[in-house]
N, C-alpha and C. Protein backbone atom coordinates (compact mmCIF):
# COMPACT_ATOMS: atom_id res chain seq x y z
N MET A 1 157.97 -100.98 15.40
CA MET A 1 159.23 -101.47 16.63
C MET A 1 159.93 -102.05 15.73
N ILE A 2 161.44 -102.03 16.22
CA ILE A 2 162.34 -102.27 16.18
C ILE A 2 162.80 -104.18 16.42
N ASP A 3 162.84 -104.44 15.75
CA ASP A 3 163.28 -106.12 15.53
C ASP A 3 164.54 -106.52 15.96
N LEU A 4 164.60 -106.59 17.60
CA LEU A 4 165.79 -106.90 17.92
C LEU A 4 166.40 -108.20 17.95
N VAL A 5 165.55 -109.17 17.70
CA VAL A 5 165.94 -110.79 17.91
C VAL A 5 165.59 -111.28 16.57
N GLY A 6 164.85 -110.89 16.03
CA GLY A 6 164.38 -111.88 14.84
C GLY A 6 165.78 -111.86 13.69
N LYS A 7 165.62 -112.34 12.62
CA LYS A 7 166.75 -113.03 11.85
C LYS A 7 167.15 -111.01 11.15
N LYS A 8 165.84 -110.72 11.09
CA LYS A 8 166.17 -108.98 10.28
C LYS A 8 166.56 -108.45 11.46
N GLY A 9 166.67 -108.73 12.47
CA GLY A 9 167.33 -107.63 13.76
C GLY A 9 168.49 -108.36 14.40
N GLN A 10 169.22 -109.53 13.37
CA GLN A 10 170.42 -110.26 13.75
C GLN A 10 171.74 -108.64 14.09
N GLY A 11 171.94 -108.59 15.73
CA GLY A 11 173.25 -108.02 15.46
C GLY A 11 172.65 -106.30 16.27
N ARG A 12 171.18 -106.25 16.22
CA ARG A 12 170.68 -105.07 16.64
C ARG A 12 170.86 -104.95 18.09
N LEU A 13 170.65 -106.37 18.57
CA LEU A 13 170.55 -105.90 20.41
C LEU A 13 171.94 -105.49 20.51
N ASP A 14 173.14 -105.85 20.15
CA ASP A 14 174.24 -104.90 20.29
C ASP A 14 174.25 -103.76 20.24
N GLN A 15 174.09 -103.41 18.52
CA GLN A 15 174.28 -101.90 18.67
C GLN A 15 173.35 -101.01 19.31
N PHE A 16 172.34 -101.67 20.19
CA PHE A 16 171.03 -101.05 21.13
C PHE A 16 171.79 -100.71 22.32
N LEU A 17 172.84 -101.92 22.54
CA LEU A 17 173.14 -102.21 24.22
C LEU A 17 174.57 -101.23 24.18
N ARG A 18 175.42 -101.07 22.75
CA ARG A 18 176.04 -100.58 23.18
C ARG A 18 175.95 -98.91 22.70
N GLY A 19 175.05 -98.29 21.97
CA GLY A 19 174.40 -97.04 22.20
C GLY A 19 173.85 -96.72 23.49
N LEU A 20 173.49 -97.36 24.34
CA LEU A 20 172.93 -97.23 25.65
C LEU A 20 174.11 -96.98 26.62
N ALA A 21 175.67 -97.74 26.12
CA ALA A 21 176.72 -97.37 27.22
C ALA A 21 177.46 -96.45 26.18
N THR A 22 177.15 -96.04 25.65
CA THR A 22 178.13 -95.30 25.02
C THR A 22 177.58 -94.10 24.79
N GLN A 23 176.44 -93.55 25.31
CA GLN A 23 175.55 -92.11 25.08
C GLN A 23 175.63 -91.25 26.21
N PRO A 24 175.38 -89.88 26.62
CA PRO A 24 175.55 -89.50 27.91
C PRO A 24 173.80 -89.53 28.22
N ALA A 25 173.92 -89.68 29.31
CA ALA A 25 172.40 -89.54 29.83
C ALA A 25 171.91 -87.72 29.64
N GLN A 26 170.51 -88.18 29.32
CA GLN A 26 170.05 -86.00 29.40
C GLN A 26 170.04 -85.62 30.31
N GLN A 27 170.49 -84.54 30.33
CA GLN A 27 170.57 -83.66 31.88
C GLN A 27 168.52 -83.19 31.98
N VAL A 28 168.88 -83.45 32.77
CA VAL A 28 167.08 -82.85 33.23
C VAL A 28 167.40 -81.34 33.24
N ASP A 29 166.38 -80.35 32.92
CA ASP A 29 165.83 -79.03 33.11
C ASP A 29 164.73 -78.62 33.59
N ASN A 30 164.31 -77.40 33.73
CA ASN A 30 163.50 -76.77 35.02
C ASN A 30 162.35 -76.39 33.45
N PHE A 31 162.45 -76.81 32.34
CA PHE A 31 161.40 -76.36 31.31
C PHE A 31 160.23 -77.68 31.29
N VAL A 32 159.07 -77.21 31.49
CA VAL A 32 157.96 -78.48 31.61
C VAL A 32 156.86 -78.27 30.47
N THR A 33 156.68 -79.55 29.72
CA THR A 33 155.45 -79.01 28.92
C THR A 33 154.13 -78.93 29.47
N SER A 34 153.51 -77.97 28.96
CA SER A 34 152.32 -76.87 28.97
C SER A 34 151.13 -78.83 29.56
N GLU A 35 151.02 -79.84 28.66
CA GLU A 35 150.66 -81.27 29.06
C GLU A 35 150.78 -81.35 30.56
N LEU A 36 151.69 -80.95 31.39
CA LEU A 36 151.94 -81.83 32.69
C LEU A 36 151.60 -80.49 33.04
N THR A 37 152.00 -79.11 32.89
CA THR A 37 152.02 -78.50 33.75
C THR A 37 150.41 -77.91 34.07
N ASN A 38 149.68 -77.87 33.20
CA ASN A 38 148.22 -77.75 32.86
C ASN A 38 146.77 -79.06 32.31
N ARG A 39 148.05 -80.13 32.38
CA ARG A 39 146.69 -80.89 31.84
C ARG A 39 146.92 -82.33 32.46
N LEU A 40 147.55 -82.44 33.30
CA LEU A 40 147.73 -83.29 34.25
C LEU A 40 146.36 -84.53 34.74
N PHE A 41 146.18 -85.83 34.07
CA PHE A 41 144.97 -86.17 34.63
C PHE A 41 143.84 -85.54 34.31
N GLU A 42 143.73 -84.78 33.40
CA GLU A 42 142.32 -84.47 32.92
C GLU A 42 141.75 -85.63 32.20
N THR A 43 140.45 -85.23 32.14
CA THR A 43 139.63 -86.31 31.57
C THR A 43 138.22 -85.80 31.38
N GLU A 44 137.50 -86.89 30.68
CA GLU A 44 136.45 -85.74 30.02
C GLU A 44 134.89 -85.67 31.34
N GLU A 45 135.43 -86.35 32.34
CA GLU A 45 134.48 -85.79 33.77
C GLU A 45 135.22 -84.72 34.03
N MET A 46 136.26 -84.76 34.33
CA MET A 46 137.08 -83.73 34.82
C MET A 46 137.70 -82.53 33.37
N PRO A 47 136.87 -81.78 33.00
CA PRO A 47 138.00 -81.18 32.00
C PRO A 47 139.13 -80.04 32.13
N PHE A 48 139.47 -79.91 33.54
CA PHE A 48 140.53 -79.23 33.67
C PHE A 48 141.99 -80.09 34.16
N GLY A 49 143.49 -79.90 34.44
CA GLY A 49 144.11 -80.84 34.83
C GLY A 49 144.58 -80.29 36.05
N MET A 50 145.78 -80.92 36.44
CA MET A 50 146.73 -80.69 37.97
C MET A 50 147.94 -79.95 37.50
N ASP A 51 148.60 -79.32 38.63
CA ASP A 51 149.84 -79.16 38.02
C ASP A 51 150.99 -80.34 38.82
N LEU A 52 152.02 -80.88 37.32
CA LEU A 52 152.61 -81.46 38.12
C LEU A 52 153.74 -80.64 38.94
N SER A 53 153.62 -79.91 38.44
CA SER A 53 155.21 -79.08 38.50
C SER A 53 155.24 -78.65 39.73
N ARG A 54 159.32 -72.94 54.00
CA ARG A 54 160.49 -72.26 53.84
C ARG A 54 160.33 -70.43 53.88
N GLY A 55 160.98 -69.91 53.35
CA GLY A 55 161.39 -68.55 52.85
C GLY A 55 161.60 -68.96 51.83
N PHE A 56 161.54 -68.26 50.98
CA PHE A 56 162.16 -67.97 49.10
C PHE A 56 163.75 -67.76 49.35
N ASP A 57 164.32 -66.94 50.48
CA ASP A 57 165.91 -67.11 50.78
C ASP A 57 166.59 -68.49 51.47
N ASP A 58 165.47 -68.88 51.99
CA ASP A 58 165.87 -70.52 52.50
C ASP A 58 166.21 -71.73 51.27
N LEU A 59 165.90 -71.48 50.17
CA LEU A 59 166.43 -72.28 48.98
C LEU A 59 167.11 -71.58 47.95
N LEU A 60 168.09 -70.58 48.17
CA LEU A 60 169.26 -70.80 47.72
C LEU A 60 170.36 -71.41 46.88
N ASP A 61 170.58 -71.94 48.30
CA ASP A 61 171.37 -72.94 48.55
C ASP A 61 171.53 -73.99 47.74
N VAL A 62 170.33 -74.63 47.24
CA VAL A 62 170.23 -75.47 46.44
C VAL A 62 169.33 -75.04 44.83
N ILE A 63 169.11 -73.92 44.62
CA ILE A 63 168.24 -73.53 43.34
C ILE A 63 168.88 -72.59 43.08
N PRO A 64 168.59 -72.17 42.30
CA PRO A 64 170.28 -70.66 41.60
C PRO A 64 168.44 -69.62 41.87
N ARG A 65 169.41 -68.03 41.73
CA ARG A 65 168.71 -67.05 42.23
C ARG A 65 167.43 -66.82 41.71
N SER A 66 167.70 -66.90 40.27
CA SER A 66 167.08 -66.16 39.18
C SER A 66 165.41 -67.23 39.30
N VAL A 67 165.45 -68.43 39.34
CA VAL A 67 164.24 -69.37 39.61
C VAL A 67 163.72 -69.03 41.01
N VAL A 68 164.78 -68.76 41.84
CA VAL A 68 164.54 -68.11 43.36
C VAL A 68 163.16 -67.05 43.34
N SER A 69 163.31 -66.35 42.62
CA SER A 69 163.19 -64.81 42.07
C SER A 69 162.02 -65.18 41.40
N ALA A 70 161.99 -65.84 40.29
CA ALA A 70 160.67 -66.35 39.79
C ALA A 70 159.82 -67.04 40.68
N PHE A 71 159.87 -67.45 41.28
CA PHE A 71 159.00 -68.59 42.41
C PHE A 71 158.31 -67.36 43.19
N ASN A 72 159.41 -66.68 43.91
CA ASN A 72 159.09 -65.30 44.89
C ASN A 72 157.76 -64.51 43.76
N ARG A 73 157.81 -64.76 42.54
CA ARG A 73 157.06 -63.71 41.88
C ARG A 73 155.62 -64.38 41.54
N VAL A 74 155.53 -65.70 41.27
CA VAL A 74 154.51 -66.70 41.22
C VAL A 74 153.80 -67.15 42.08
N TYR A 75 154.27 -67.59 43.13
CA TYR A 75 154.39 -68.12 44.34
C TYR A 75 153.47 -67.47 45.75
N ARG A 76 152.44 -67.37 46.38
CA ARG A 76 152.30 -66.64 47.10
C ARG A 76 153.46 -66.68 48.73
N THR A 77 153.96 -68.14 49.03
CA THR A 77 154.48 -68.51 49.86
C THR A 77 155.63 -69.31 49.15
N VAL A 78 156.17 -69.86 49.96
CA VAL A 78 156.93 -70.80 49.73
C VAL A 78 156.31 -72.10 49.97
N GLU A 79 155.26 -72.22 50.48
CA GLU A 79 154.97 -73.78 50.32
C GLU A 79 154.08 -73.73 49.35
N ASP A 80 153.33 -72.87 48.68
CA ASP A 80 152.96 -72.77 47.45
C ASP A 80 153.17 -73.53 46.04
N ILE A 81 155.18 -73.58 46.72
CA ILE A 81 155.93 -74.17 45.18
C ILE A 81 155.22 -75.66 45.05
N ASP A 82 154.80 -76.06 43.57
CA ASP A 82 155.24 -77.55 43.47
C ASP A 82 156.31 -78.16 43.97
N PRO A 83 155.95 -79.32 44.62
CA PRO A 83 157.85 -79.97 44.87
C PRO A 83 158.22 -80.72 43.60
N PHE A 84 157.74 -81.12 42.61
CA PHE A 84 157.86 -81.54 41.39
C PHE A 84 158.85 -79.98 40.05
N VAL A 85 158.54 -79.13 40.53
CA VAL A 85 158.65 -77.54 39.91
C VAL A 85 159.88 -77.57 40.97
N ALA A 86 160.01 -77.51 41.67
CA ALA A 86 161.28 -77.41 42.98
C ALA A 86 162.16 -78.47 42.51
N GLY A 87 161.72 -79.58 42.90
CA GLY A 87 162.83 -80.49 42.49
C GLY A 87 163.91 -80.60 41.46
N ILE A 88 163.01 -80.13 39.43
CA ILE A 88 164.36 -79.84 38.56
C ILE A 88 164.41 -78.67 38.49
N SER A 89 164.11 -77.94 39.81
CA SER A 89 165.24 -76.44 39.38
C SER A 89 165.99 -76.64 40.39
N GLU A 90 166.63 -77.82 41.02
CA GLU A 90 167.85 -77.79 42.00
C GLU A 90 168.81 -78.22 41.04
N ARG A 91 169.98 -77.44 42.22
CA ARG A 91 171.18 -77.59 41.53
C ARG A 91 171.37 -79.29 41.48
N HIS A 92 172.21 -80.05 40.60
CA HIS A 92 172.33 -81.34 40.58
C HIS A 92 173.64 -81.23 41.66
N ALA A 93 173.47 -82.93 41.83
CA ALA A 93 174.52 -82.83 43.14
C ALA A 93 176.30 -83.01 42.21
N SER A 94 177.27 -83.04 42.51
CA SER A 94 179.05 -83.42 41.74
C SER A 94 178.26 -84.86 40.88
N GLY A 95 178.60 -84.30 40.17
CA GLY A 95 178.52 -85.84 39.38
C GLY A 95 177.30 -86.37 39.34
N ALA A 96 175.92 -86.02 39.16
CA ALA A 96 174.84 -86.59 39.22
C ALA A 96 173.36 -85.63 38.47
N ILE A 97 172.62 -86.40 38.16
CA ILE A 97 171.79 -85.73 37.20
C ILE A 97 170.13 -85.00 37.98
N LEU A 98 170.62 -85.37 38.94
CA LEU A 98 169.51 -85.09 40.21
C LEU A 98 169.86 -83.92 41.34
N GLY A 99 168.90 -83.62 41.83
CA GLY A 99 169.67 -82.44 42.69
C GLY A 99 169.11 -83.07 44.18
N PRO A 100 169.23 -82.66 45.54
CA PRO A 100 168.69 -83.31 46.58
C PRO A 100 167.72 -83.72 47.12
N THR A 101 166.38 -83.14 46.52
CA THR A 101 165.36 -83.73 46.87
C THR A 101 164.91 -84.64 46.00
N PHE A 102 165.46 -85.36 44.85
CA PHE A 102 164.60 -86.15 43.73
C PHE A 102 165.70 -87.19 44.22
N ARG A 103 167.11 -86.83 45.08
CA ARG A 103 167.92 -88.31 45.11
C ARG A 103 167.58 -88.62 46.88
N CYS A 104 166.74 -87.57 47.40
CA CYS A 104 166.51 -88.59 48.52
C CYS A 104 164.87 -89.59 48.27
N ILE A 105 164.56 -88.36 47.27
CA ILE A 105 163.23 -89.61 47.53
C ILE A 105 163.52 -91.16 46.18
N VAL A 106 164.40 -90.69 45.47
CA VAL A 106 165.04 -92.02 44.38
C VAL A 106 165.52 -92.98 45.70
N ALA A 107 166.55 -92.39 46.37
CA ALA A 107 166.96 -92.96 47.19
C ALA A 107 166.36 -94.05 48.39
N ASP A 108 164.95 -93.00 48.88
CA ASP A 108 164.44 -93.78 49.68
C ASP A 108 163.24 -94.88 48.90
N GLN A 109 163.38 -94.98 48.19
CA GLN A 109 162.14 -95.72 47.13
C GLN A 109 163.51 -96.97 47.28
N PHE A 110 164.17 -96.67 46.86
CA PHE A 110 165.00 -98.18 46.51
C PHE A 110 165.72 -98.83 48.23
N ALA A 111 165.38 -97.97 49.10
CA ALA A 111 165.54 -98.59 50.33
C ALA A 111 164.29 -99.41 50.68
N ARG A 112 163.38 -98.96 50.21
CA ARG A 112 161.94 -99.62 50.65
C ARG A 112 161.55 -100.80 49.81
N LEU A 113 162.18 -100.92 48.67
CA LEU A 113 161.81 -101.94 47.62
C LEU A 113 163.12 -102.98 48.09
N LYS A 114 163.97 -102.77 48.67
CA LYS A 114 164.83 -104.01 49.17
C LYS A 114 164.52 -104.24 50.19
N GLN A 115 164.13 -103.69 51.49
CA GLN A 115 163.82 -104.39 52.83
C GLN A 115 162.76 -104.52 52.78
N GLY A 116 161.63 -104.54 51.53
CA GLY A 116 160.12 -105.11 52.03
C GLY A 116 159.97 -106.21 50.59
N ASP A 117 161.33 -106.31 50.48
CA ASP A 117 161.02 -107.83 49.63
C ASP A 117 162.13 -109.10 50.25
N ARG A 118 161.35 -109.96 50.54
CA ARG A 118 161.80 -110.61 51.82
C ARG A 118 162.81 -112.33 51.06
N PHE A 119 162.53 -111.83 49.48
CA PHE A 119 163.78 -112.21 48.06
C PHE A 119 164.32 -111.55 48.02
N PHE A 120 164.85 -110.57 48.35
CA PHE A 120 165.66 -109.54 47.53
C PHE A 120 167.31 -110.35 47.89
N TYR A 121 168.35 -110.22 46.85
CA TYR A 121 169.20 -111.48 46.68
C TYR A 121 170.34 -111.19 47.87
N ASP A 122 170.05 -110.01 48.49
CA ASP A 122 171.16 -109.97 49.64
C ASP A 122 170.62 -110.30 51.13
N LEU A 123 169.61 -110.63 51.25
CA LEU A 123 169.29 -110.48 52.53
C LEU A 123 169.22 -111.49 53.22
N GLY A 124 169.90 -111.99 54.41
CA GLY A 124 170.30 -113.37 54.78
C GLY A 124 169.26 -114.07 55.83
N GLY A 125 169.59 -114.82 56.28
CA GLY A 125 168.52 -115.71 57.06
C GLY A 125 167.03 -116.07 56.35
N GLN A 126 167.46 -116.67 55.24
CA GLN A 126 165.50 -117.07 54.39
C GLN A 126 166.52 -118.35 54.05
N PRO A 127 165.43 -119.15 54.07
CA PRO A 127 165.71 -120.49 53.00
C PRO A 127 166.51 -120.09 51.64
N THR A 128 165.93 -118.99 51.03
CA THR A 128 166.44 -119.16 49.78
C THR A 128 167.87 -118.39 49.42
N SER A 129 168.29 -117.90 50.79
CA SER A 129 169.20 -116.71 51.01
C SER A 129 170.66 -117.72 49.91
N PHE A 130 171.61 -116.60 49.66
CA PHE A 130 172.96 -116.85 48.97
C PHE A 130 173.98 -116.85 50.03
N SER A 131 174.33 -118.17 49.61
CA SER A 131 175.68 -118.15 50.63
C SER A 131 176.96 -117.17 50.54
N ASP A 132 177.48 -116.96 51.76
CA ASP A 132 178.60 -115.54 51.68
C ASP A 132 179.63 -115.38 50.18
N GLU A 133 179.75 -117.04 50.46
CA GLU A 133 180.90 -117.31 48.64
C GLU A 133 180.43 -116.75 48.05
N GLN A 134 178.59 -117.11 47.61
CA GLN A 134 177.77 -116.37 46.21
C GLN A 134 177.95 -115.23 45.93
N LEU A 135 176.95 -114.68 47.39
CA LEU A 135 177.02 -113.02 47.51
C LEU A 135 178.28 -112.57 46.89
N PHE A 136 179.30 -113.03 47.34
CA PHE A 136 180.77 -112.60 46.80
C PHE A 136 180.73 -112.16 45.26
N GLU A 137 180.85 -113.56 45.15
CA GLU A 137 180.85 -113.44 43.55
C GLU A 137 179.55 -112.81 42.61
N ILE A 138 178.58 -113.06 43.13
CA ILE A 138 177.10 -111.79 42.62
C ILE A 138 177.50 -110.20 43.14
N ARG A 139 178.72 -110.18 43.85
CA ARG A 139 178.82 -108.73 43.97
C ARG A 139 180.11 -107.87 43.17
N GLN A 140 180.77 -109.16 42.13
CA GLN A 140 182.20 -109.04 41.43
C GLN A 140 181.68 -108.55 39.72
N MET A 141 179.99 -108.81 39.55
CA MET A 141 179.27 -108.91 38.84
C MET A 141 179.18 -107.63 38.50
N SER A 142 179.50 -106.83 36.95
CA SER A 142 179.52 -105.58 36.97
C SER A 142 178.46 -105.50 35.31
N TRP A 143 177.63 -104.40 35.49
CA TRP A 143 176.88 -104.13 34.40
C TRP A 143 177.67 -104.81 32.64
N ALA A 144 179.11 -104.00 33.05
CA ALA A 144 179.49 -104.80 31.56
C ALA A 144 179.65 -105.98 31.66
N ARG A 145 179.77 -106.43 32.83
CA ARG A 145 180.01 -108.12 32.49
C ARG A 145 178.19 -108.83 31.95
N VAL A 146 177.37 -108.62 32.47
CA VAL A 146 175.53 -108.86 32.08
C VAL A 146 175.36 -108.02 30.38
N LEU A 147 176.21 -106.88 29.90
CA LEU A 147 175.82 -106.65 28.41
C LEU A 147 176.70 -107.59 27.86
N CYS A 148 178.03 -107.72 27.94
CA CYS A 148 178.83 -109.08 27.69
C CYS A 148 178.34 -110.64 27.52
N MET A 149 177.92 -110.78 28.42
CA MET A 149 177.01 -112.26 28.66
C MET A 149 175.67 -112.45 27.98
N THR A 150 175.01 -110.90 27.63
CA THR A 150 173.55 -111.24 27.43
C THR A 150 173.11 -110.62 25.78
N GLY A 151 174.66 -109.75 25.60
CA GLY A 151 174.44 -109.36 24.07
C GLY A 151 174.92 -110.27 23.24
N ASP A 152 174.05 -110.15 21.88
CA ASP A 152 174.18 -111.10 20.74
C ASP A 152 175.81 -111.74 20.06
N ASN A 153 176.59 -110.76 20.92
CA ASN A 153 177.83 -111.03 19.93
C ASN A 153 178.62 -109.59 20.05
N LEU A 154 178.45 -108.83 21.80
CA LEU A 154 178.60 -107.74 21.78
C LEU A 154 180.17 -108.74 22.08
N MET A 155 181.03 -107.69 21.50
CA MET A 155 182.71 -107.55 21.62
C MET A 155 183.70 -107.10 22.29
N TYR A 156 182.97 -105.21 22.17
CA TYR A 156 183.58 -104.46 23.35
C TYR A 156 182.80 -103.89 23.83
N ILE A 157 182.90 -103.36 24.90
CA ILE A 157 182.43 -102.26 25.95
C ILE A 157 183.13 -101.94 26.99
N GLN A 158 182.82 -100.70 27.73
CA GLN A 158 183.95 -100.11 28.23
C GLN A 158 183.50 -101.07 29.82
N PRO A 159 184.55 -100.89 31.02
CA PRO A 159 184.21 -101.98 32.34
C PRO A 159 183.58 -100.93 32.68
N LEU A 160 183.44 -99.77 33.09
CA LEU A 160 182.26 -98.93 33.88
C LEU A 160 181.28 -98.71 32.78
N ALA A 161 180.08 -99.50 32.63
CA ALA A 161 179.36 -99.35 31.37
C ALA A 161 178.82 -98.12 31.30
N PHE A 162 178.03 -97.66 32.71
CA PHE A 162 177.27 -96.57 32.95
C PHE A 162 178.15 -95.08 32.94
N LEU A 163 179.48 -95.34 32.54
CA LEU A 163 179.75 -93.85 32.25
C LEU A 163 180.12 -94.33 30.86
N GLN A 164 180.48 -92.67 30.06
CA GLN A 164 180.88 -92.47 29.18
C GLN A 164 182.40 -93.49 28.85
N PRO A 165 182.80 -94.15 27.56
CA PRO A 165 184.38 -93.97 27.40
C PRO A 165 184.73 -93.29 26.52
N ARG A 166 185.79 -93.19 27.82
CA ARG A 166 187.19 -91.66 28.02
C ARG A 166 188.21 -92.35 28.58
N GLY A 167 188.90 -91.69 28.83
CA GLY A 167 190.29 -91.64 29.73
C GLY A 167 190.91 -93.38 30.28
N LEU A 168 190.31 -93.47 31.59
CA LEU A 168 190.77 -94.92 31.76
C LEU A 168 189.72 -95.78 32.04
N ASN A 169 188.45 -95.37 31.37
CA ASN A 169 187.20 -96.31 30.72
C ASN A 169 186.92 -96.54 29.55
N GLU A 170 188.10 -96.53 28.63
CA GLU A 170 188.07 -97.06 27.45
C GLU A 170 187.47 -98.32 26.58
N ARG A 171 186.75 -98.59 26.21
CA ARG A 171 186.03 -99.73 25.05
C ARG A 171 187.27 -100.78 25.33
N THR A 172 187.12 -102.00 26.16
CA THR A 172 188.07 -103.26 25.75
C THR A 172 187.21 -104.06 25.38
N THR A 173 187.63 -105.28 25.56
CA THR A 173 187.36 -106.66 25.06
C THR A 173 186.35 -107.09 25.83
N CYS A 174 184.97 -108.22 25.68
CA CYS A 174 184.66 -108.34 26.86
C CYS A 174 185.68 -109.63 27.93
N ASP A 175 186.69 -109.85 27.32
CA ASP A 175 187.22 -111.00 27.59
C ASP A 175 188.32 -110.40 28.66
N ASP A 176 188.88 -109.09 28.55
CA ASP A 176 189.69 -108.57 29.38
C ASP A 176 189.76 -108.80 30.67
N PRO A 177 190.25 -108.89 31.63
CA PRO A 177 190.24 -109.02 33.43
C PRO A 177 189.67 -107.85 33.73
N ALA A 178 189.64 -106.21 33.47
CA ALA A 178 189.01 -105.52 33.48
C ALA A 178 187.48 -105.80 33.71
N ILE A 179 186.86 -106.58 33.00
CA ILE A 179 185.54 -107.06 33.18
C ILE A 179 185.61 -108.41 33.52
N PRO A 180 185.32 -108.20 35.13
CA PRO A 180 185.63 -109.78 35.85
C PRO A 180 184.83 -111.09 35.39
N GLN A 181 184.53 -112.37 35.07
CA GLN A 181 183.76 -112.75 35.04
C GLN A 181 183.19 -113.36 36.15
N ILE A 182 182.47 -114.28 36.11
CA ILE A 182 181.68 -114.82 37.69
C ILE A 182 182.31 -116.00 37.46
N ASN A 183 182.35 -116.39 38.71
CA ASN A 183 182.98 -117.44 39.57
C ASN A 183 181.87 -118.51 39.61
N LEU A 184 181.36 -119.37 39.21
CA LEU A 184 179.92 -119.85 39.65
C LEU A 184 180.32 -121.93 40.26
N THR A 185 181.32 -121.81 40.56
CA THR A 185 182.07 -122.84 41.86
C THR A 185 181.06 -122.61 42.98
N PRO A 186 180.89 -121.54 43.28
CA PRO A 186 180.23 -121.78 44.35
C PRO A 186 178.74 -122.52 44.84
N TRP A 187 178.42 -122.49 43.26
CA TRP A 187 176.59 -122.32 43.13
C TRP A 187 176.60 -124.53 42.63
N GLN A 188 177.67 -124.84 42.73
CA GLN A 188 178.12 -126.05 42.07
C GLN A 188 177.17 -127.28 43.59
N SER A 189 176.51 -128.13 43.27
CA SER A 189 176.16 -129.11 44.49
C SER A 189 177.34 -129.91 45.05
N ARG A 190 177.79 -129.65 46.28
CA ARG A 190 178.15 -130.36 46.58
C ARG A 190 177.91 -132.16 47.35
N ARG A 191 178.09 -133.46 47.19
CA ARG A 191 177.62 -134.39 47.31
C ARG A 191 178.34 -134.63 48.40
N SER A 192 177.80 -135.28 49.52
CA SER A 192 178.46 -136.00 50.49
C SER A 192 178.74 -137.50 50.22
N HIS A 193 180.23 -138.01 50.75
CA HIS A 193 180.32 -139.36 50.19
C HIS A 193 179.57 -140.03 51.35
């Protein structure tokens, strides 16, 4: 286990955060280990596993022809195609690492999490709701600012921390106006006289 906070780990958290912010996200491919395709949820009581992984031509707008042809050879009907296998076979949306099926699932999950949480930070009308001024300041916050504030001594980060540093998104100091500071004035108590 990596010691990120102890004396031996001094500065390691910053190295870890910098690595997360500068390394590209791994792409998804349609190759699945046999542990998922043949042994999912296998137990001693159930010594066999499960598989995780329209017309076939209807898939061509989102899945490459070679993969659709393979599906056609392997599956009797398009309804038999495993949703996970189909999802990882879809072409990724421009600038994304997911195709339409997984993007829809992820978006639906985030919407349900937000709408189902009465304490979600931007839902109004609750005793714990933030004011409009507080919400404005929260929305100015960026992931780069969070990393700058929480790192041990993180001095440089790119303003769009989820994207690799290049072009207009080169690393800059944490004090640079390109990484806005949060104004805590809206949280100050105002006492009436």
